[in-house]
Amino acid sequence: MNFTHVFWDWNGTLLNDVIACIDSMNQMLSRRGMSTINEKYYKSVFGFPVKDYYKTLGFDLTLDSFEKLSVEFMSEYTIRAKSSPLQQHAFEILNYFRQNNIKQVIVSAMEQEMLAQQIENLGVKEYFDTIIGLSDIYANSKLHLAENFVNTNRLIPSEILFIGDTLHDAEVAENLGCDLLLVSNGHHSKERLKQNHYKVINNLEDFFTLLN
């Protein structure tokens, strides 16, 4: 482990909020008489920018603007996410990096204030040196957030490990030039994550098998 920093994704990677996202979206779909989705389908189509995901589900953005839909989704999600737990073994892996003096940074496509509140409510704020989220709720891309942090702090990409659960996390890691590890119990299916031969583990516990 020759890393100085770990960049963490939050939603799906450390926070187990997949069901909260699906249930929130199904509420919106039901309101409009549209077909609801199950977890398997969700993990096969969810992605960034989120606007494209809405289109895939069949929303007519000429009737409901993406901005309006985003506000509606966040209203539903905020309620359900309150009962979303951390992924199993999150504390163990966070403790591992802290004990090995590896700095931990959250880089998320979630809005900054909501992100900070979730992290504090779940009792893991102390593990992170920096928490970085977007300035809005539209979940477009977090690439610029990661790039700005790396450049501002003059970090060496080869000394960063990025841990995430989506192909967008892979995109960010590739653009930064850092190492990548994906977990497949988040927002993208294992099949999608492995399609480009990325290093994929089933869950956070499996990280420790890589150390042996």
C-alpha atoms as a PDB file:
ATOM      1  CA  MET A   1       0.000   0.000   0.000  1.00  0.00           C
ATOM      2  CA  ASN A   2       2.148   2.837  -1.310  1.00  0.00           C
ATOM      3  CA  PHE A   3      -0.694   5.350  -1.315  1.00  0.00           C
ATOM      4  CA  THR A   4      -0.715   8.698   0.438  1.00  0.00           C
ATOM      5  CA  HIS A   5      -4.408   9.332  -0.237  1.00  0.00           C
ATOM      6  CA  VAL A   6      -7.629   7.416  -0.722  1.00  0.00           C
ATOM      7  CA  PHE A   7     -10.364   9.176  -2.665  1.00  0.00           C
ATOM      8  CA  TRP A   8     -13.731   7.765  -1.653  1.00  0.00           C
ATOM      9  CA  ASP A   9     -16.986   7.929  -3.506  1.00  0.00           C
ATOM     10  CA  TRP A  10     -19.834   8.204  -0.993  1.00  0.00           C
ATOM     11  CA  ASN A  11     -23.193   7.033  -2.364  1.00  0.00           C
ATOM     12  CA  GLY A  12     -23.222   3.287  -2.907  1.00  0.00           C
ATOM     13  CA  THR A  13     -19.578   2.890  -1.917  1.00  0.00           C
ATOM     14  CA  LEU A  14     -19.651   3.831   1.763  1.00  0.00           C
ATOM     15  CA  LEU A  15     -23.358   4.686   2.071  1.00  0.00           C
ATOM     16  CA  ASN A  16     -25.775   1.863   1.297  1.00  0.00           C
ATOM     17  CA  ASP A  17     -28.475   4.002  -0.321  1.00  0.00           C
ATOM     18  CA  VAL A  18     -29.380   2.001  -3.432  1.00  0.00           C
ATOM     19  CA  ILE A  19     -32.831   1.075  -2.121  1.00  0.00           C
ATOM     20  CA  ALA A  20     -33.481   4.671  -1.060  1.00  0.00           C
ATOM     21  CA  CYS A  21     -32.714   5.806  -4.617  1.00  0.00           C
ATOM     22  CA  ILE A  22     -34.880   3.129  -6.224  1.00  0.00           C
ATOM     23  CA  ASP A  23     -37.838   3.734  -3.912  1.00  0.00           C
ATOM     24  CA  SER A  24     -37.592   7.492  -4.437  1.00  0.00           C
ATOM     25  CA  MET A  25     -37.568   7.103  -8.202  1.00  0.00           C
ATOM     26  CA  ASN A  26     -40.430   4.612  -8.134  1.00  0.00           C
ATOM     27  CA  GLN A  27     -42.515   7.130  -6.226  1.00  0.00           C
ATOM     28  CA  MET A  28     -41.930   9.638  -9.010  1.00  0.00           C
ATOM     29  CA  LEU A  29     -42.679   7.096 -11.723  1.00  0.00           C
ATOM     30  CA  SER A  30     -45.869   5.972  -9.993  1.00  0.00           C
ATOM     31  CA  ARG A  31     -47.133   9.552  -9.767  1.00  0.00           C
ATOM     32  CA  ARG A  32     -46.967   9.738 -13.536  1.00  0.00           C
ATOM     33  CA  GLY A  33     -48.411   6.302 -14.265  1.00  0.00           C
ATOM     34  CA  MET A  34     -45.038   5.105 -15.547  1.00  0.00           C
ATOM     35  CA  SER A  35     -43.538   1.647 -15.062  1.00  0.00           C
ATOM     36  CA  THR A  36     -41.541   1.250 -11.875  1.00  0.00           C
ATOM     37  CA  ILE A  37     -38.089  -0.329 -11.776  1.00  0.00           C
ATOM     38  CA  ASN A  38     -36.417  -3.096  -9.790  1.00  0.00           C
ATOM     39  CA  GLU A  39     -32.877  -3.206  -8.440  1.00  0.00           C
ATOM     40  CA  LYS A  40     -31.442  -5.241 -11.303  1.00  0.00           C
ATOM     41  CA  TYR A  41     -32.750  -2.835 -13.928  1.00  0.00           C
ATOM     42  CA  TYR A  42     -31.698   0.203 -11.898  1.00  0.00           C
ATOM     43  CA  LYS A  43     -28.113  -0.998 -11.667  1.00  0.00           C
ATOM     44  CA  SER A  44     -28.063  -1.608 -15.405  1.00  0.00           C
ATOM     45  CA  VAL A  45     -29.177   1.902 -16.416  1.00  0.00           C
ATOM     46  CA  PHE A  46     -28.246   4.371 -13.663  1.00  0.00           C
ATOM     47  CA  GLY A  47     -25.357   6.631 -14.550  1.00  0.00           C
ATOM     48  CA  PHE A  48     -23.878  10.103 -14.943  1.00  0.00           C
ATOM     49  CA  PRO A  49     -24.856  12.624 -15.997  1.00  0.00           C
ATOM     50  CA  VAL A  50     -28.067  11.800 -14.158  1.00  0.00           C
ATOM     51  CA  LYS A  51     -30.067  13.709 -16.761  1.00  0.00           C
ATOM     52  CA  ASP A  52     -29.440  10.879 -19.230  1.00  0.00           C
ATOM     53  CA  TYR A  53     -30.681   8.353 -16.667  1.00  0.00           C
ATOM     54  CA  TYR A  54     -33.974  10.245 -16.399  1.00  0.00           C
ATOM     55  CA  LYS A  55     -34.335  10.113 -20.169  1.00  0.00           C
ATOM     56  CA  THR A  56     -33.662   6.384 -20.176  1.00  0.00           C
ATOM     57  CA  LEU A  57     -36.469   5.852 -17.676  1.00  0.00           C
ATOM     58  CA  GLY A  58     -38.846   7.625 -20.039  1.00  0.00           C
ATOM     59  CA  PHE A  59     -39.271  11.060 -18.477  1.00  0.00           C
ATOM     60  CA  ASP A  60     -40.301  13.706 -20.981  1.00  0.00           C
ATOM     61  CA  LEU A  61     -38.070  16.642 -20.102  1.00  0.00           C
ATOM     62  CA  THR A  62     -40.225  18.965 -22.187  1.00  0.00           C
ATOM     63  CA  LEU A  63     -43.080  18.345 -19.745  1.00  0.00           C
ATOM     64  CA  ASP A  64     -41.041  18.150 -16.548  1.00  0.00           C
ATOM     65  CA  SER A  65     -37.736  19.980 -16.611  1.00  0.00           C
ATOM     66  CA  PHE A  66     -34.699  18.155 -15.343  1.00  0.00           C
ATOM     67  CA  GLU A  67     -34.314  20.811 -12.670  1.00  0.00           C
ATOM     68  CA  LYS A  68     -37.872  20.243 -11.441  1.00  0.00           C
ATOM     69  CA  LEU A  69     -37.409  16.467 -11.460  1.00  0.00           C
ATOM     70  CA  SER A  70     -34.162  16.816  -9.518  1.00  0.00           C
ATOM     71  CA  VAL A  71     -35.880  18.810  -6.781  1.00  0.00           C
ATOM     72  CA  GLU A  72     -38.681  16.233  -6.628  1.00  0.00           C
ATOM     73  CA  PHE A  73     -36.226  13.353  -6.415  1.00  0.00           C
ATOM     74  CA  MET A  74     -34.177  14.969  -3.675  1.00  0.00           C
ATOM     75  CA  SER A  75     -37.348  15.622  -1.681  1.00  0.00           C
ATOM     76  CA  GLU A  76     -38.155  11.911  -1.798  1.00  0.00           C
ATOM     77  CA  TYR A  77     -34.567  10.759  -1.334  1.00  0.00           C
ATOM     78  CA  THR A  78     -33.873  12.972   1.683  1.00  0.00           C
ATOM     79  CA  ILE A  79     -36.649  11.229   3.600  1.00  0.00           C
ATOM     80  CA  ARG A  80     -35.570   7.706   2.681  1.00  0.00           C
ATOM     81  CA  ALA A  81     -31.821   8.245   2.993  1.00  0.00           C
ATOM     82  CA  LYS A  82     -32.209   8.965   6.702  1.00  0.00           C
ATOM     83  CA  SER A  83     -32.566   5.223   7.250  1.00  0.00           C
ATOM     84  CA  SER A  84     -29.774   4.245   4.836  1.00  0.00           C
ATOM     85  CA  PRO A  85     -26.867   2.637   6.711  1.00  0.00           C
ATOM     86  CA  LEU A  86     -23.188   2.500   5.972  1.00  0.00           C
ATOM     87  CA  GLN A  87     -22.060  -0.441   3.894  1.00  0.00           C
ATOM     88  CA  GLN A  88     -20.952  -3.404   5.968  1.00  0.00           C
ATOM     89  CA  HIS A  89     -17.280  -3.254   7.008  1.00  0.00           C
ATOM     90  CA  ALA A  90     -17.076   0.477   6.271  1.00  0.00           C
ATOM     91  CA  PHE A  91     -15.675   1.233   9.720  1.00  0.00           C
ATOM     92  CA  GLU A  92     -13.044  -1.485   9.395  1.00  0.00           C
ATOM     93  CA  ILE A  93     -11.652  -0.206   6.117  1.00  0.00           C
ATOM     94  CA  LEU A  94     -11.789   3.436   7.237  1.00  0.00           C
ATOM     95  CA  ASN A  95      -9.887   2.471  10.373  1.00  0.00           C
ATOM     96  CA  TYR A  96      -7.357   0.527   8.316  1.00  0.00           C
ATOM     97  CA  PHE A  97      -6.439   3.560   6.230  1.00  0.00           C
ATOM     98  CA  ARG A  98      -6.344   5.854   9.252  1.00  0.00           C
ATOM     99  CA  GLN A  99      -4.060   3.482  11.156  1.00  0.00           C
ATOM    100  CA  ASN A 100      -1.742   3.405   8.143  1.00  0.00           C
ATOM    101  CA  ASN A 101      -1.612   7.211   7.988  1.00  0.00           C
ATOM    102  CA  ILE A 102      -3.285   7.357   4.589  1.00  0.00           C
ATOM    103  CA  LYS A 103      -5.355  10.514   4.157  1.00  0.00           C
ATOM    104  CA  GLN A 104      -8.973   9.965   3.182  1.00  0.00           C
ATOM    105  CA  VAL A 105     -10.980  12.303   0.973  1.00  0.00           C
ATOM    106  CA  ILE A 106     -14.639  12.114  -0.073  1.00  0.00           C
ATOM    107  CA  VAL A 107     -15.249  13.153  -3.686  1.00  0.00           C
ATOM    108  CA  SER A 108     -18.969  12.990  -4.385  1.00  0.00           C
ATOM    109  CA  ALA A 109     -21.557  14.089  -6.946  1.00  0.00           C
ATOM    110  CA  MET A 110     -23.917  14.848  -4.055  1.00  0.00           C
ATOM    111  CA  GLU A 111     -24.617  18.427  -3.014  1.00  0.00           C
ATOM    112  CA  GLN A 112     -22.041  19.571  -0.469  1.00  0.00           C
ATOM    113  CA  GLU A 113     -24.255  20.430   2.511  1.00  0.00           C
ATOM    114  CA  MET A 114     -26.344  17.273   2.253  1.00  0.00           C
ATOM    115  CA  LEU A 115     -23.180  15.204   1.856  1.00  0.00           C
ATOM    116  CA  ALA A 116     -21.590  16.714   4.955  1.00  0.00           C
ATOM    117  CA  GLN A 117     -24.774  16.185   6.959  1.00  0.00           C
ATOM    118  CA  GLN A 118     -25.039  12.506   6.001  1.00  0.00           C
ATOM    119  CA  ILE A 119     -21.410  11.877   6.877  1.00  0.00           C
ATOM    120  CA  GLU A 120     -21.809  13.561  10.253  1.00  0.00           C
ATOM    121  CA  ASN A 121     -25.069  11.758  11.044  1.00  0.00           C
ATOM    122  CA  LEU A 122     -23.459   8.380  10.388  1.00  0.00           C
ATOM    123  CA  GLY A 123     -20.517   9.113  12.671  1.00  0.00           C
ATOM    124  CA  VAL A 124     -17.661   8.920  10.167  1.00  0.00           C
ATOM    125  CA  LYS A 125     -16.727  12.577   9.728  1.00  0.00           C
ATOM    126  CA  GLU A 126     -13.563  12.142  11.804  1.00  0.00           C
ATOM    127  CA  TYR A 127     -12.066   9.769   9.235  1.00  0.00           C
ATOM    128  CA  PHE A 128     -11.896  12.284   6.401  1.00  0.00           C
ATOM    129  CA  ASP A 129      -9.366  15.021   5.890  1.00  0.00           C
ATOM    130  CA  THR A 130     -11.541  16.642   3.227  1.00  0.00           C
ATOM    131  CA  ILE A 131     -15.156  16.289   2.100  1.00  0.00           C
ATOM    132  CA  ILE A 132     -15.907  17.529  -1.420  1.00  0.00           C
ATOM    133  CA  GLY A 133     -19.357  17.684  -2.987  1.00  0.00           C
ATOM    134  CA  LEU A 134     -21.083  19.592  -5.747  1.00  0.00           C
ATOM    135  CA  SER A 135     -22.567  23.069  -5.361  1.00  0.00           C
ATOM    136  CA  ASP A 136     -25.941  21.931  -6.762  1.00  0.00           C
ATOM    137  CA  ILE A 137     -28.283  18.897  -6.740  1.00  0.00           C
ATOM    138  CA  TYR A 138     -27.985  17.967 -10.415  1.00  0.00           C
ATOM    139  CA  ALA A 139     -25.264  15.279 -10.104  1.00  0.00           C
ATOM    140  CA  ASN A 140     -23.627  16.068 -13.399  1.00  0.00           C
ATOM    141  CA  SER A 141     -19.954  15.131 -12.896  1.00  0.00           C
ATOM    142  CA  LYS A 142     -17.416  15.256 -10.094  1.00  0.00           C
ATOM    143  CA  LEU A 143     -14.339  15.057 -12.305  1.00  0.00           C
ATOM    144  CA  HIS A 144     -13.578  18.767 -11.923  1.00  0.00           C
ATOM    145  CA  LEU A 145     -13.797  18.443  -8.131  1.00  0.00           C
ATOM    146  CA  ALA A 146     -11.179  15.709  -8.065  1.00  0.00           C
ATOM    147  CA  GLU A 147      -8.928  17.481 -10.560  1.00  0.00           C
ATOM    148  CA  ASN A 148      -9.038  20.748  -8.636  1.00  0.00           C
ATOM    149  CA  PHE A 149      -8.163  19.020  -5.376  1.00  0.00           C
ATOM    150  CA  VAL A 150      -5.242  17.129  -6.914  1.00  0.00           C
ATOM    151  CA  ASN A 151      -3.861  20.244  -8.613  1.00  0.00           C
ATOM    152  CA  THR A 152      -4.368  22.572  -5.645  1.00  0.00           C
ATOM    153  CA  ASN A 153      -2.647  20.172  -3.253  1.00  0.00           C
ATOM    154  CA  ARG A 154       0.004  19.089  -5.776  1.00  0.00           C
ATOM    155  CA  LEU A 155      -0.760  15.431  -5.254  1.00  0.00           C
ATOM    156  CA  ILE A 156       0.942  12.680  -7.209  1.00  0.00           C
ATOM    157  CA  PRO A 157      -1.773  10.642  -8.996  1.00  0.00           C
ATOM    158  CA  SER A 158       0.147   7.371  -8.698  1.00  0.00           C
ATOM    159  CA  GLU A 159      -0.041   7.778  -4.909  1.00  0.00           C
ATOM    160  CA  ILE A 160      -3.865   7.975  -4.907  1.00  0.00           C
ATOM    161  CA  LEU A 161      -6.307   5.069  -4.685  1.00  0.00           C
ATOM    162  CA  PHE A 162      -9.835   5.858  -5.864  1.00  0.00           C
ATOM    163  CA  ILE A 163     -12.562   3.601  -4.452  1.00  0.00           C
ATOM    164  CA  GLY A 164     -16.015   3.820  -6.034  1.00  0.00           C
ATOM    165  CA  ASP A 165     -19.000   1.863  -7.307  1.00  0.00           C
ATOM    166  CA  THR A 166     -19.819   3.303 -10.751  1.00  0.00           C
ATOM    167  CA  LEU A 167     -18.306   3.716 -14.185  1.00  0.00           C
ATOM    168  CA  HIS A 168     -18.181   7.451 -13.494  1.00  0.00           C
ATOM    169  CA  ASP A 169     -15.779   6.724 -10.641  1.00  0.00           C
ATOM    170  CA  ALA A 170     -13.666   4.768 -13.124  1.00  0.00           C
ATOM    171  CA  GLU A 171     -13.789   7.716 -15.526  1.00  0.00           C
ATOM    172  CA  VAL A 172     -12.590  10.090 -12.808  1.00  0.00           C
ATOM    173  CA  ALA A 173      -9.770   7.775 -11.747  1.00  0.00           C
ATOM    174  CA  GLU A 174      -8.625   7.275 -15.333  1.00  0.00           C
ATOM    175  CA  ASN A 175      -8.598  11.016 -16.000  1.00  0.00           C
ATOM    176  CA  LEU A 176      -6.590  11.614 -12.839  1.00  0.00           C
ATOM    177  CA  GLY A 177      -4.213   8.774 -13.610  1.00  0.00           C
ATOM    178  CA  CYS A 178      -4.646   7.162 -10.193  1.00  0.00           C
ATOM    179  CA  ASP A 179      -5.264   3.574  -9.138  1.00  0.00           C
ATOM    180  CA  LEU A 180      -8.850   2.325  -9.043  1.00  0.00           C
ATOM    181  CA  LEU A 181     -10.872  -0.176  -7.046  1.00  0.00           C
ATOM    182  CA  LEU A 182     -14.597  -0.682  -7.636  1.00  0.00           C
ATOM    183  CA  VAL A 183     -17.120  -2.367  -5.359  1.00  0.00           C
ATOM    184  CA  SER A 184     -20.090  -4.107  -6.975  1.00  0.00           C
ATOM    185  CA  ASN A 185     -22.708  -3.812  -4.215  1.00  0.00           C
ATOM    186  CA  GLY A 186     -23.465  -0.180  -5.039  1.00  0.00           C
ATOM    187  CA  HIS A 187     -25.242   1.596  -7.901  1.00  0.00           C
ATOM    188  CA  HIS A 188     -23.765  -0.324 -10.847  1.00  0.00           C
ATOM    189  CA  SER A 189     -23.924  -4.053 -11.472  1.00  0.00           C
ATOM    190  CA  LYS A 190     -20.824  -6.199 -11.384  1.00  0.00           C
ATOM    191  CA  GLU A 191     -21.282  -6.942 -15.084  1.00  0.00           C
ATOM    192  CA  ARG A 192     -21.099  -3.239 -15.981  1.00  0.00           C
ATOM    193  CA  LEU A 193     -18.080  -2.617 -13.783  1.00  0.00           C
ATOM    194  CA  LYS A 194     -16.114  -5.537 -15.171  1.00  0.00           C
ATOM    195  CA  GLN A 195     -16.788  -4.760 -18.818  1.00  0.00           C
ATOM    196  CA  ASN A 196     -13.584  -2.732 -19.112  1.00  0.00           C
ATOM    197  CA  HIS A 197     -11.509  -5.118 -17.006  1.00  0.00           C
ATOM    198  CA  TYR A 198     -11.464  -2.871 -13.962  1.00  0.00           C
ATOM    199  CA  LYS A 199     -10.441  -4.287 -10.607  1.00  0.00           C
ATOM    200  CA  VAL A 200     -13.764  -5.153  -8.944  1.00  0.00           C
ATOM    201  CA  ILE A 201     -14.526  -6.583  -5.505  1.00  0.00           C
ATOM    202  CA  ASN A 202     -17.914  -7.713  -4.222  1.00  0.00           C
ATOM    203  CA  ASN A 203     -17.912  -5.578  -1.081  1.00  0.00           C
ATOM    204  CA  LEU A 204     -15.643  -3.641   1.254  1.00  0.00           C
ATOM    205  CA  GLU A 205     -14.711  -6.743   3.236  1.00  0.00           C
ATOM    206  CA  ASP A 206     -13.102  -8.198   0.118  1.00  0.00           C
ATOM    207  CA  PHE A 207     -10.593  -5.336   0.159  1.00  0.00           C
ATOM    208  CA  PHE A 208      -8.700  -7.096   2.912  1.00  0.00           C
ATOM    209  CA  THR A 209      -8.199 -10.183   0.742  1.00  0.00           C
ATOM    210  CA  LEU A 210      -6.192  -7.999  -1.642  1.00  0.00           C
ATOM    211  CA  LEU A 211      -3.656  -7.346   1.103  1.00  0.00           C
ATOM    212  CA  ASN A 212      -2.716 -11.007   1.469  1.00  0.00           C
END
